[in-house]
Amino acid sequence: MRNKNKRPLEVDNNLSSNKNKINNINNAGDHDGVNTSTTTNDSELQGAKADESDNKNNPEKFFTFTFYKVDPKWRWLNEMGKDEASREFLELLNAARKKIKIRTYSTIGLRHDSEFMIWTMSPSLENIQVLASKIYTTILGKYIEPTSTYLSLTRKSFYSNQVKLGFETEEEPLRYAVVYPFIKSREWYLLPFEKRKEMMEEHIRVGRKYPEIRLNTTYSFGIDDQDFMLAFETDNLSRFQSLIIDLRETQVSKYIIKDTPMIPCVLKNIEEIIKSLG
């Protein structure tokens, strides 16, 4: 039988060696990019200034929804090792939050293919890559595998100028998020714009019957397989279900090719999520 006591020693050693990696994020510069070292050369500084200028002129932000599955070997670690790994992972996320908006959600028991999801938003795609890379250098990162990642970009709505993303509000996140990719048929895009706008106005009217539900619609054209990524926030999944039932009866629904997998997620801090992994 495998010796469980060997793992905590490995945890202690790796945690010590990973401190510098976490500090790299803490020591990032004032620009929007996250550095991987505490020193920069002239070309890196010029790139940082260019990124900062682009971000001021371009309000769009990248979203990622990444779902993770834990290796059963994680459960062989003793509690001390798990606690140390949890503290390390939390330290990494807290450092990254200085440059990236991050939310963490549990999907344990709700999906067979994932236990938790990390939702990030950043004007820099490279920031998101840096975080993903550093996740894999942590102890927990060695025991998790991404089962799906969805990439999208914020844009102004084509059909309404009054849409505000729930993620960008100053309000606290709601208890649940339901995330899913969304694809419309090519026939939809060949319809005259005014016809599409008319049908979307019906769609929007239905949504306004549920003001307590926040909508986050982002666009994936050209950067991922789906057309859109939808992330609804709600404190009441029954109300959300009623909204979806009502939307099935709108004219737009005729042009929907795919709106699955529809993944319910429960808002939790990363310490709670890690404890739930067993």
C-alpha atoms as a PDB file:
ATOM      1  CA  MET A   1       0.000   0.000   0.000  1.00  0.00           C
ATOM      2  CA  ARG A   2       1.151   3.513  -0.747  1.00  0.00           C
ATOM      3  CA  ASN A   3       2.910   5.290   2.128  1.00  0.00           C
ATOM      4  CA  LYS A   4       0.763   8.354   2.862  1.00  0.00           C
ATOM      5  CA  ASN A   5       3.382   9.922   5.112  1.00  0.00           C
ATOM      6  CA  LYS A   6       5.739  10.724   2.271  1.00  0.00           C
ATOM      7  CA  ARG A   7       3.453  13.303   0.758  1.00  0.00           C
ATOM      8  CA  PRO A   8       3.612  15.997   3.509  1.00  0.00           C
ATOM      9  CA  LEU A   9       7.409  16.106   3.186  1.00  0.00           C
ATOM     10  CA  GLU A  10       7.015  16.719  -0.508  1.00  0.00           C
ATOM     11  CA  VAL A  11       4.436  19.414   0.280  1.00  0.00           C
ATOM     12  CA  ASP A  12       6.773  21.194   2.701  1.00  0.00           C
ATOM     13  CA  ASN A  13       9.670  21.175   0.265  1.00  0.00           C
ATOM     14  CA  ASN A  14       7.598  22.352  -2.675  1.00  0.00           C
ATOM     15  CA  LEU A  15       5.893  25.069  -0.665  1.00  0.00           C
ATOM     16  CA  SER A  16       9.254  26.513   0.271  1.00  0.00           C
ATOM     17  CA  SER A  17      10.429  26.508  -3.333  1.00  0.00           C
ATOM     18  CA  ASN A  18       7.169  28.040  -4.549  1.00  0.00           C
ATOM     19  CA  LYS A  19       7.346  31.145  -2.322  1.00  0.00           C
ATOM     20  CA  ASN A  20       9.393  33.026  -4.912  1.00  0.00           C
ATOM     21  CA  LYS A  21       6.920  32.142  -7.647  1.00  0.00           C
ATOM     22  CA  ILE A  22       4.053  33.629  -5.656  1.00  0.00           C
ATOM     23  CA  ASN A  23       6.119  36.704  -4.814  1.00  0.00           C
ATOM     24  CA  ASN A  24       6.605  37.294  -8.534  1.00  0.00           C
ATOM     25  CA  ILE A  25       2.916  38.197  -8.786  1.00  0.00           C
ATOM     26  CA  ASN A  26       3.039  40.283  -5.609  1.00  0.00           C
ATOM     27  CA  ASN A  27       5.914  42.317  -7.063  1.00  0.00           C
ATOM     28  CA  ALA A  28       4.226  43.011 -10.407  1.00  0.00           C
ATOM     29  CA  GLY A  29       4.539  46.556 -11.743  1.00  0.00           C
ATOM     30  CA  ASP A  30       1.872  49.267 -11.901  1.00  0.00           C
ATOM     31  CA  HIS A  31       0.861  48.441 -15.478  1.00  0.00           C
ATOM     32  CA  ASP A  32      -1.861  45.904 -16.248  1.00  0.00           C
ATOM     33  CA  GLY A  33       0.504  43.057 -17.120  1.00  0.00           C
ATOM     34  CA  VAL A  34       1.575  40.576 -14.431  1.00  0.00           C
ATOM     35  CA  ASN A  35       5.344  40.168 -14.444  1.00  0.00           C
ATOM     36  CA  THR A  36       7.027  36.824 -13.832  1.00  0.00           C
ATOM     37  CA  SER A  37      10.096  38.485 -12.336  1.00  0.00           C
ATOM     38  CA  THR A  38      10.855  41.528 -10.218  1.00  0.00           C
ATOM     39  CA  THR A  39      13.128  43.133 -12.797  1.00  0.00           C
ATOM     40  CA  THR A  40      12.396  44.304 -16.329  1.00  0.00           C
ATOM     41  CA  ASN A  41      14.475  45.403 -19.261  1.00  0.00           C
ATOM     42  CA  ASP A  42      13.725  48.327 -21.587  1.00  0.00           C
ATOM     43  CA  SER A  43      11.740  46.254 -24.064  1.00  0.00           C
ATOM     44  CA  GLU A  44       9.547  44.863 -21.270  1.00  0.00           C
ATOM     45  CA  LEU A  45       8.868  48.373 -19.988  1.00  0.00           C
ATOM     46  CA  GLN A  46       7.923  49.551 -23.459  1.00  0.00           C
ATOM     47  CA  GLY A  47       5.586  46.585 -23.791  1.00  0.00           C
ATOM     48  CA  ALA A  48       4.032  47.402 -20.422  1.00  0.00           C
ATOM     49  CA  LYS A  49       3.391  51.005 -21.453  1.00  0.00           C
ATOM     50  CA  ALA A  50       1.833  49.838 -24.697  1.00  0.00           C
ATOM     51  CA  ASP A  51      -0.426  47.415 -22.791  1.00  0.00           C
ATOM     52  CA  GLU A  52      -1.487  50.196 -20.417  1.00  0.00           C
ATOM     53  CA  SER A  53      -2.325  52.502 -23.312  1.00  0.00           C
ATOM     54  CA  ASP A  54      -4.296  49.792 -25.090  1.00  0.00           C
ATOM     55  CA  ASN A  55      -6.299  49.003 -21.956  1.00  0.00           C
ATOM     56  CA  LYS A  56      -7.285  52.660 -21.467  1.00  0.00           C
ATOM     57  CA  ASN A  57      -8.472  52.919 -25.058  1.00  0.00           C
ATOM     58  CA  ASN A  58     -10.067  49.483 -25.147  1.00  0.00           C
ATOM     59  CA  PRO A  59     -12.493  48.690 -22.301  1.00  0.00           C
ATOM     60  CA  GLU A  60     -13.062  45.102 -23.453  1.00  0.00           C
ATOM     61  CA  LYS A  61     -11.914  42.378 -21.080  1.00  0.00           C
ATOM     62  CA  PHE A  62     -11.226  38.684 -21.499  1.00  0.00           C
ATOM     63  CA  PHE A  63     -13.250  36.181 -19.508  1.00  0.00           C
ATOM     64  CA  THR A  64     -12.235  32.595 -18.816  1.00  0.00           C
ATOM     65  CA  PHE A  65     -14.335  29.915 -17.171  1.00  0.00           C
ATOM     66  CA  THR A  66     -12.061  26.998 -16.303  1.00  0.00           C
ATOM     67  CA  PHE A  67     -13.416  23.810 -14.747  1.00  0.00           C
ATOM     68  CA  TYR A  68     -11.102  21.494 -12.819  1.00  0.00           C
ATOM     69  CA  LYS A  69     -11.223  17.815 -11.890  1.00  0.00           C
ATOM     70  CA  VAL A  70      -9.200  16.578  -8.910  1.00  0.00           C
ATOM     71  CA  ASP A  71      -7.014  13.485  -9.058  1.00  0.00           C
ATOM     72  CA  PRO A  72      -8.182  10.875  -6.473  1.00  0.00           C
ATOM     73  CA  LYS A  73      -4.564  10.733  -5.275  1.00  0.00           C
ATOM     74  CA  TRP A  74      -5.222  14.106  -3.607  1.00  0.00           C
ATOM     75  CA  ARG A  75      -7.251  12.285  -0.967  1.00  0.00           C
ATOM     76  CA  TRP A  76      -4.159  10.315   0.080  1.00  0.00           C
ATOM     77  CA  LEU A  77      -2.567  13.456   1.534  1.00  0.00           C
ATOM     78  CA  ASN A  78      -2.882  13.842   5.281  1.00  0.00           C
ATOM     79  CA  GLU A  79      -4.693  16.854   6.720  1.00  0.00           C
ATOM     80  CA  MET A  80      -1.495  18.784   7.429  1.00  0.00           C
ATOM     81  CA  GLY A  81      -0.435  18.480   3.808  1.00  0.00           C
ATOM     82  CA  LYS A  82      -3.851  19.569   2.565  1.00  0.00           C
ATOM     83  CA  ASP A  83      -3.871  22.588   4.876  1.00  0.00           C
ATOM     84  CA  GLU A  84      -0.451  23.701   3.664  1.00  0.00           C
ATOM     85  CA  ALA A  85      -1.485  23.250   0.034  1.00  0.00           C
ATOM     86  CA  SER A  86      -4.679  25.225   0.669  1.00  0.00           C
ATOM     87  CA  ARG A  87      -2.759  28.145   2.177  1.00  0.00           C
ATOM     88  CA  GLU A  88      -0.349  28.159  -0.757  1.00  0.00           C
ATOM     89  CA  PHE A  89      -3.159  28.190  -3.326  1.00  0.00           C
ATOM     90  CA  LEU A  90      -5.022  30.959  -1.491  1.00  0.00           C
ATOM     91  CA  GLU A  91      -1.841  33.038  -1.343  1.00  0.00           C
ATOM     92  CA  LEU A  92      -1.432  32.677  -5.104  1.00  0.00           C
ATOM     93  CA  LEU A  93      -5.023  33.744  -5.850  1.00  0.00           C
ATOM     94  CA  ASN A  94      -4.819  36.712  -3.490  1.00  0.00           C
ATOM     95  CA  ALA A  95      -1.658  37.901  -5.218  1.00  0.00           C
ATOM     96  CA  ALA A  96      -3.240  37.474  -8.656  1.00  0.00           C
ATOM     97  CA  ARG A  97      -6.333  39.430  -7.571  1.00  0.00           C
ATOM     98  CA  LYS A  98      -4.225  42.591  -7.569  1.00  0.00           C
ATOM     99  CA  LYS A  99      -4.284  42.407 -11.380  1.00  0.00           C
ATOM    100  CA  ILE A 100      -7.164  40.054 -12.256  1.00  0.00           C
ATOM    101  CA  LYS A 101     -10.755  39.717 -11.078  1.00  0.00           C
ATOM    102  CA  ILE A 102     -11.272  36.172  -9.829  1.00  0.00           C
ATOM    103  CA  ARG A 103     -14.221  34.209  -8.511  1.00  0.00           C
ATOM    104  CA  THR A 104     -14.200  30.602  -7.358  1.00  0.00           C
ATOM    105  CA  TYR A 105     -17.155  28.215  -7.484  1.00  0.00           C
ATOM    106  CA  SER A 106     -17.812  24.655  -6.376  1.00  0.00           C
ATOM    107  CA  THR A 107     -19.362  22.119  -8.754  1.00  0.00           C
ATOM    108  CA  ILE A 108     -18.711  19.078  -6.566  1.00  0.00           C
ATOM    109  CA  GLY A 109     -21.636  16.669  -6.635  1.00  0.00           C
ATOM    110  CA  LEU A 110     -23.278  18.659  -9.444  1.00  0.00           C
ATOM    111  CA  ARG A 111     -21.107  17.505 -12.346  1.00  0.00           C
ATOM    112  CA  HIS A 112     -19.279  14.245 -13.012  1.00  0.00           C
ATOM    113  CA  ASP A 113     -16.505  16.037 -14.895  1.00  0.00           C
ATOM    114  CA  SER A 114     -15.454  18.803 -12.494  1.00  0.00           C
ATOM    115  CA  GLU A 115     -15.235  19.736  -8.825  1.00  0.00           C
ATOM    116  CA  PHE A 116     -14.666  23.482  -9.064  1.00  0.00           C
ATOM    117  CA  MET A 117     -14.492  26.420 -11.449  1.00  0.00           C
ATOM    118  CA  ILE A 118     -12.311  29.528 -11.539  1.00  0.00           C
ATOM    119  CA  TRP A 119     -13.834  32.545 -13.319  1.00  0.00           C
ATOM    120  CA  THR A 120     -11.357  35.251 -14.304  1.00  0.00           C
ATOM    121  CA  MET A 121     -11.669  38.647 -15.989  1.00  0.00           C
ATOM    122  CA  SER A 122      -8.725  40.689 -17.252  1.00  0.00           C
ATOM    123  CA  PRO A 123      -7.937  43.190 -20.027  1.00  0.00           C
ATOM    124  CA  SER A 124      -4.781  41.147 -20.656  1.00  0.00           C
ATOM    125  CA  LEU A 125      -4.945  37.616 -22.043  1.00  0.00           C
ATOM    126  CA  GLU A 126      -1.345  37.143 -20.936  1.00  0.00           C
ATOM    127  CA  ASN A 127      -2.296  37.856 -17.296  1.00  0.00           C
ATOM    128  CA  ILE A 128      -4.704  34.942 -17.444  1.00  0.00           C
ATOM    129  CA  GLN A 129      -2.003  32.692 -18.883  1.00  0.00           C
ATOM    130  CA  VAL A 130       0.433  33.668 -16.123  1.00  0.00           C
ATOM    131  CA  LEU A 131      -2.111  32.738 -13.463  1.00  0.00           C
ATOM    132  CA  ALA A 132      -2.877  29.404 -15.158  1.00  0.00           C
ATOM    133  CA  SER A 133       0.825  28.615 -15.373  1.00  0.00           C
ATOM    134  CA  LYS A 134       1.426  29.417 -11.702  1.00  0.00           C
ATOM    135  CA  ILE A 135      -1.533  27.295 -10.630  1.00  0.00           C
ATOM    136  CA  TYR A 136       0.298  24.283 -12.015  1.00  0.00           C
ATOM    137  CA  THR A 137       3.388  25.062  -9.911  1.00  0.00           C
ATOM    138  CA  THR A 138       1.412  24.728  -6.676  1.00  0.00           C
ATOM    139  CA  ILE A 139       0.936  21.506  -4.755  1.00  0.00           C
ATOM    140  CA  LEU A 140      -2.794  21.459  -5.506  1.00  0.00           C
ATOM    141  CA  GLY A 141      -1.985  22.206  -9.131  1.00  0.00           C
ATOM    142  CA  LYS A 142      -0.224  18.870  -9.397  1.00  0.00           C
ATOM    143  CA  TYR A 143      -3.443  17.088  -8.469  1.00  0.00           C
ATOM    144  CA  ILE A 144      -5.949  18.887 -10.720  1.00  0.00           C
ATOM    145  CA  GLU A 145      -6.707  18.740 -14.417  1.00  0.00           C
ATOM    146  CA  PRO A 146      -8.783  21.248 -16.414  1.00  0.00           C
ATOM    147  CA  THR A 147     -11.701  19.447 -18.039  1.00  0.00           C
ATOM    148  CA  SER A 148     -12.969  22.456 -19.988  1.00  0.00           C
ATOM    149  CA  THR A 149     -11.999  26.080 -20.522  1.00  0.00           C
ATOM    150  CA  TYR A 150     -14.198  28.690 -22.175  1.00  0.00           C
ATOM    151  CA  LEU A 151     -12.728  31.958 -23.460  1.00  0.00           C
ATOM    152  CA  SER A 152     -14.740  35.061 -24.308  1.00  0.00           C
ATOM    153  CA  LEU A 153     -14.507  38.829 -24.601  1.00  0.00           C
ATOM    154  CA  THR A 154     -16.760  41.591 -23.308  1.00  0.00           C
ATOM    155  CA  ARG A 155     -18.381  43.833 -25.936  1.00  0.00           C
ATOM    156  CA  LYS A 156     -21.262  46.263 -26.025  1.00  0.00           C
ATOM    157  CA  SER A 157     -24.543  44.601 -26.852  1.00  0.00           C
ATOM    158  CA  PHE A 158     -25.578  44.730 -30.507  1.00  0.00           C
ATOM    159  CA  TYR A 159     -29.218  45.171 -29.534  1.00  0.00           C
ATOM    160  CA  SER A 160     -29.319  47.242 -26.338  1.00  0.00           C
ATOM    161  CA  ASN A 161     -27.170  50.028 -24.918  1.00  0.00           C
ATOM    162  CA  GLN A 162     -28.489  49.492 -21.397  1.00  0.00           C
ATOM    163  CA  VAL A 163     -26.812  46.169 -20.681  1.00  0.00           C
ATOM    164  CA  LYS A 164     -24.332  46.121 -17.771  1.00  0.00           C
ATOM    165  CA  LEU A 165     -22.434  42.980 -16.916  1.00  0.00           C
ATOM    166  CA  GLY A 166     -23.130  41.658 -13.448  1.00  0.00           C
ATOM    167  CA  PHE A 167     -19.417  40.889 -13.027  1.00  0.00           C
ATOM    168  CA  GLU A 168     -18.595  44.579 -13.433  1.00  0.00           C
ATOM    169  CA  THR A 169     -20.968  45.860 -10.755  1.00  0.00           C
ATOM    170  CA  GLU A 170     -19.779  46.820  -7.289  1.00  0.00           C
ATOM    171  CA  GLU A 171     -22.385  44.532  -5.740  1.00  0.00           C
ATOM    172  CA  GLU A 172     -21.548  41.245  -4.064  1.00  0.00           C
ATOM    173  CA  PRO A 173     -21.765  38.150  -6.300  1.00  0.00           C
ATOM    174  CA  LEU A 174     -24.951  36.122  -6.035  1.00  0.00           C
ATOM    175  CA  ARG A 175     -25.029  32.614  -4.600  1.00  0.00           C
ATOM    176  CA  TYR A 176     -25.164  30.662  -7.860  1.00  0.00           C
ATOM    177  CA  ALA A 177     -23.778  31.039 -11.358  1.00  0.00           C
ATOM    178  CA  VAL A 178     -25.039  28.990 -14.289  1.00  0.00           C
ATOM    179  CA  VAL A 179     -22.477  28.945 -17.086  1.00  0.00           C
ATOM    180  CA  TYR A 180     -22.942  27.671 -20.620  1.00  0.00           C
ATOM    181  CA  PRO A 181     -21.688  28.126 -24.186  1.00  0.00           C
ATOM    182  CA  PHE A 182     -24.242  29.399 -26.704  1.00  0.00           C
ATOM    183  CA  ILE A 183     -24.341  28.956 -30.484  1.00  0.00           C
ATOM    184  CA  LYS A 184     -26.874  30.379 -32.950  1.00  0.00           C
ATOM    185  CA  SER A 185     -27.437  29.135 -36.476  1.00  0.00           C
ATOM    186  CA  ARG A 186     -25.894  30.786 -39.530  1.00  0.00           C
ATOM    187  CA  GLU A 187     -29.439  31.503 -40.706  1.00  0.00           C
ATOM    188  CA  TRP A 188     -29.803  33.862 -37.759  1.00  0.00           C
ATOM    189  CA  TYR A 189     -26.886  36.006 -38.882  1.00  0.00           C
ATOM    190  CA  LEU A 190     -28.234  36.144 -42.453  1.00  0.00           C
ATOM    191  CA  LEU A 191     -31.498  37.695 -41.299  1.00  0.00           C
ATOM    192  CA  PRO A 192     -31.855  41.495 -41.687  1.00  0.00           C
ATOM    193  CA  PHE A 193     -30.597  43.291 -38.612  1.00  0.00           C
ATOM    194  CA  GLU A 194     -33.985  44.910 -37.925  1.00  0.00           C
ATOM    195  CA  LYS A 195     -35.636  41.488 -37.899  1.00  0.00           C
ATOM    196  CA  ARG A 196     -33.041  40.166 -35.462  1.00  0.00           C
ATOM    197  CA  LYS A 197     -33.392  43.277 -33.300  1.00  0.00           C
ATOM    198  CA  GLU A 198     -37.170  42.821 -33.148  1.00  0.00           C
ATOM    199  CA  MET A 199     -36.815  39.229 -31.937  1.00  0.00           C
ATOM    200  CA  MET A 200     -34.102  40.172 -29.460  1.00  0.00           C
ATOM    201  CA  GLU A 201     -36.325  42.873 -27.994  1.00  0.00           C
ATOM    202  CA  GLU A 202     -38.867  40.160 -27.204  1.00  0.00           C
ATOM    203  CA  HIS A 203     -36.051  38.119 -25.662  1.00  0.00           C
ATOM    204  CA  ILE A 204     -34.942  41.091 -23.544  1.00  0.00           C
ATOM    205  CA  ARG A 205     -38.511  41.795 -22.376  1.00  0.00           C
ATOM    206  CA  VAL A 206     -38.741  38.272 -21.000  1.00  0.00           C
ATOM    207  CA  GLY A 207     -35.444  38.721 -19.185  1.00  0.00           C
ATOM    208  CA  ARG A 208     -36.704  41.922 -17.539  1.00  0.00           C
ATOM    209  CA  LYS A 209     -39.421  39.915 -15.825  1.00  0.00           C
ATOM    210  CA  TYR A 210     -36.630  38.498 -13.674  1.00  0.00           C
ATOM    211  CA  PRO A 211     -34.725  41.578 -12.440  1.00  0.00           C
ATOM    212  CA  GLU A 212     -33.172  39.627  -9.577  1.00  0.00           C
ATOM    213  CA  ILE A 213     -31.191  37.507 -12.067  1.00  0.00           C
ATOM    214  CA  ARG A 214     -27.961  39.019 -13.379  1.00  0.00           C
ATOM    215  CA  LEU A 215     -26.818  38.313 -16.903  1.00  0.00           C
ATOM    216  CA  ASN A 216     -23.209  38.178 -18.084  1.00  0.00           C
ATOM    217  CA  THR A 217     -23.115  37.798 -21.866  1.00  0.00           C
ATOM    218  CA  THR A 218     -19.660  37.717 -23.449  1.00  0.00           C
ATOM    219  CA  TYR A 219     -18.531  37.049 -27.004  1.00  0.00           C
ATOM    220  CA  SER A 220     -16.393  34.185 -28.285  1.00  0.00           C
ATOM    221  CA  PHE A 221     -16.484  34.760 -32.051  1.00  0.00           C
ATOM    222  CA  GLY A 222     -13.055  34.013 -33.513  1.00  0.00           C
ATOM    223  CA  ILE A 223     -11.393  33.107 -30.201  1.00  0.00           C
ATOM    224  CA  ASP A 224     -13.306  29.963 -29.123  1.00  0.00           C
ATOM    225  CA  ASP A 225     -15.719  27.401 -30.547  1.00  0.00           C
ATOM    226  CA  GLN A 226     -18.986  28.928 -29.306  1.00  0.00           C
ATOM    227  CA  ASP A 227     -20.557  32.251 -30.352  1.00  0.00           C
ATOM    228  CA  PHE A 228     -21.193  33.478 -26.801  1.00  0.00           C
ATOM    229  CA  MET A 229     -20.568  32.533 -23.193  1.00  0.00           C
ATOM    230  CA  LEU A 230     -23.490  33.080 -20.845  1.00  0.00           C
ATOM    231  CA  ALA A 231     -23.150  33.280 -17.075  1.00  0.00           C
ATOM    232  CA  PHE A 232     -26.338  33.937 -15.155  1.00  0.00           C
ATOM    233  CA  GLU A 233     -26.110  34.845 -11.466  1.00  0.00           C
ATOM    234  CA  THR A 234     -28.984  34.135  -9.114  1.00  0.00           C
ATOM    235  CA  ASP A 235     -29.852  33.427  -5.496  1.00  0.00           C
ATOM    236  CA  ASN A 236     -32.761  31.226  -6.559  1.00  0.00           C
ATOM    237  CA  LEU A 237     -32.259  28.406  -9.069  1.00  0.00           C
ATOM    238  CA  SER A 238     -36.010  27.822  -9.318  1.00  0.00           C
ATOM    239  CA  ARG A 239     -36.466  31.385 -10.611  1.00  0.00           C
ATOM    240  CA  PHE A 240     -33.636  30.861 -13.059  1.00  0.00           C
ATOM    241  CA  GLN A 241     -35.317  27.699 -14.296  1.00  0.00           C
ATOM    242  CA  SER A 242     -38.537  29.660 -14.849  1.00  0.00           C
ATOM    243  CA  LEU A 243     -36.597  32.232 -16.882  1.00  0.00           C
ATOM    244  CA  ILE A 244     -35.141  29.535 -19.141  1.00  0.00           C
ATOM    245  CA  ILE A 245     -38.590  27.969 -19.635  1.00  0.00           C
ATOM    246  CA  ASP A 246     -39.974  31.372 -20.679  1.00  0.00           C
ATOM    247  CA  LEU A 247     -37.072  32.002 -23.038  1.00  0.00           C
ATOM    248  CA  ARG A 248     -37.765  28.693 -24.801  1.00  0.00           C
ATOM    249  CA  GLU A 249     -41.017  30.234 -26.040  1.00  0.00           C
ATOM    250  CA  THR A 250     -39.417  33.256 -27.717  1.00  0.00           C
ATOM    251  CA  GLN A 251     -38.798  33.517 -31.461  1.00  0.00           C
ATOM    252  CA  VAL A 252     -35.032  33.596 -30.947  1.00  0.00           C
ATOM    253  CA  SER A 253     -35.098  30.032 -29.614  1.00  0.00           C
ATOM    254  CA  LYS A 254     -35.765  28.766 -33.171  1.00  0.00           C
ATOM    255  CA  TYR A 255     -32.226  29.793 -34.095  1.00  0.00           C
ATOM    256  CA  ILE A 256     -30.364  28.228 -31.170  1.00  0.00           C
ATOM    257  CA  ILE A 257     -28.120  25.323 -32.131  1.00  0.00           C
ATOM    258  CA  LYS A 258     -26.447  24.681 -28.794  1.00  0.00           C
ATOM    259  CA  ASP A 259     -26.746  25.892 -25.209  1.00  0.00           C
ATOM    260  CA  THR A 260     -25.082  23.014 -23.370  1.00  0.00           C
ATOM    261  CA  PRO A 261     -23.403  21.971 -21.186  1.00  0.00           C
ATOM    262  CA  MET A 262     -25.375  24.081 -18.727  1.00  0.00           C
ATOM    263  CA  ILE A 263     -23.249  24.055 -15.592  1.00  0.00           C
ATOM    264  CA  PRO A 264     -24.592  25.179 -12.182  1.00  0.00           C
ATOM    265  CA  CYS A 265     -21.884  26.507  -9.851  1.00  0.00           C
ATOM    266  CA  VAL A 266     -22.028  27.447  -6.155  1.00  0.00           C
ATOM    267  CA  LEU A 267     -20.047  30.505  -5.043  1.00  0.00           C
ATOM    268  CA  LYS A 268     -17.463  29.501  -2.411  1.00  0.00           C
ATOM    269  CA  ASN A 269     -14.062  30.655  -1.296  1.00  0.00           C
ATOM    270  CA  ILE A 270     -11.143  28.486  -2.331  1.00  0.00           C
ATOM    271  CA  GLU A 271     -10.495  27.206   1.220  1.00  0.00           C
ATOM    272  CA  GLU A 272     -14.037  25.769   1.402  1.00  0.00           C
ATOM    273  CA  ILE A 273     -13.646  24.266  -2.045  1.00  0.00           C
ATOM    274  CA  ILE A 274     -10.355  22.572  -1.208  1.00  0.00           C
ATOM    275  CA  LYS A 275     -11.761  21.147   2.035  1.00  0.00           C
ATOM    276  CA  SER A 276     -14.655  19.658   0.066  1.00  0.00           C
ATOM    277  CA  LEU A 277     -12.285  17.736  -2.224  1.00  0.00           C
ATOM    278  CA  GLY A 278     -11.812  15.036   0.433  1.00  0.00           C
END
